Amino acid sequence: MGSTPAQLAAHFRGYAAQCLVVAQHQRRAGDRLALIDMAQAWAALAEQAEKNEALLAAYEFIGGIGGRGNNSSA
């Protein structure tokens, strides 16, 4: 896909917002609730993407300290 976790989080939050906009225009309560549930799921995915980004940054930082991926030992 080629997107960073931050970019994915932004996309996911956009999808959540779209679900809420569409929910506002639904007549049936069940349809509104389904769209609100979808929005919550997209928001949760956005949060997870942000956590993944933080974890990836920490891993890269630790890898840099520990010399992993460092070719200076040759």
Protein backbone atom coordinates (compact mmCIF):
# COMPACT_ATOMS: atom_id res chain seq x y z
CA MET A 1 0.00 0.00 0.00
CA GLY A 2 2.98 2.29 0.62
CA SER A 3 1.38 4.53 3.24
CA THR A 4 2.91 5.38 6.58
CA PRO A 5 0.97 4.53 9.74
CA ALA A 6 0.23 8.24 10.21
CA GLN A 7 -1.18 8.48 6.69
CA LEU A 8 -3.28 5.38 7.28
CA ALA A 9 -4.58 6.82 10.55
CA ALA A 10 -5.61 9.99 8.73
CA HIS A 11 -7.41 7.97 6.05
CA PHE A 12 -9.15 5.86 8.68
CA ARG A 13 -10.31 8.97 10.57
CA GLY A 14 -11.65 10.33 7.29
CA TYR A 15 -13.62 7.13 6.73
CA ALA A 16 -15.00 7.40 10.26
CA ALA A 17 -16.11 10.96 9.60
CA GLN A 18 -17.78 9.91 6.34
CA CYS A 19 -19.70 7.18 8.16
CA LEU A 20 -20.99 9.75 10.64
CA VAL A 21 -22.05 12.13 7.87
CA VAL A 22 -23.94 9.36 6.09
CA ALA A 23 -25.48 8.23 9.40
CA GLN A 24 -27.00 11.67 9.89
CA HIS A 25 -29.00 11.23 6.68
CA GLN A 26 -30.43 7.80 7.49
CA ARG A 27 -34.08 7.50 8.44
CA ARG A 28 -33.92 4.10 10.08
CA ALA A 29 -32.32 3.92 13.51
CA GLY A 30 -30.76 0.55 12.67
CA ASP A 31 -28.99 2.03 9.67
CA ARG A 32 -27.72 4.95 11.74
CA LEU A 33 -26.45 2.62 14.44
CA ALA A 34 -24.68 0.41 11.90
CA LEU A 35 -22.91 3.43 10.44
CA ILE A 36 -21.97 4.71 13.90
CA ASP A 37 -20.54 1.26 14.67
CA MET A 38 -18.52 1.42 11.44
CA ALA A 39 -17.26 4.88 12.40
CA GLN A 40 -16.14 3.54 15.76
CA ALA A 41 -14.35 0.65 14.06
CA TRP A 42 -12.52 3.06 11.70
CA ALA A 43 -11.56 5.25 14.67
CA ALA A 44 -10.20 2.21 16.51
CA LEU A 45 -8.15 1.28 13.44
CA ALA A 46 -6.78 4.83 13.33
CA GLU A 47 -5.73 4.56 16.97
CA GLN A 48 -4.06 1.22 16.30
CA ALA A 49 -2.20 2.66 13.31
CA GLU A 50 -0.89 5.46 15.53
CA LYS A 51 0.25 2.93 18.13
CA ASN A 52 1.96 0.95 15.39
CA GLU A 53 3.79 4.08 14.26
CA ALA A 54 5.03 4.72 17.79
CA LEU A 55 6.14 1.12 18.13
CA LEU A 56 7.92 1.23 14.79
CA ALA A 57 9.72 4.45 15.78
CA ALA A 58 10.81 2.89 19.08
CA TYR A 59 12.00 -0.25 17.31
CA GLU A 60 14.01 1.79 14.79
CA PHE A 61 15.49 3.88 17.62
CA ILE A 62 16.51 0.81 19.60
CA GLY A 63 17.84 -0.84 16.45
CA GLY A 64 19.97 2.22 15.78
CA ILE A 65 21.39 2.17 19.30
CA GLY A 66 22.07 -1.54 19.23
CA GLY A 67 23.79 -1.36 15.89
CA ARG A 68 21.30 -3.51 14.04
CA GLY A 69 21.31 -2.57 10.43
CA ASN A 70 24.57 -0.71 10.98
CA ASN A 71 27.16 -1.75 8.43
CA SER A 72 30.08 -0.08 10.20
CA SER A 73 31.33 -3.40 11.63
CA ALA A 74 32.73 -4.49 8.26
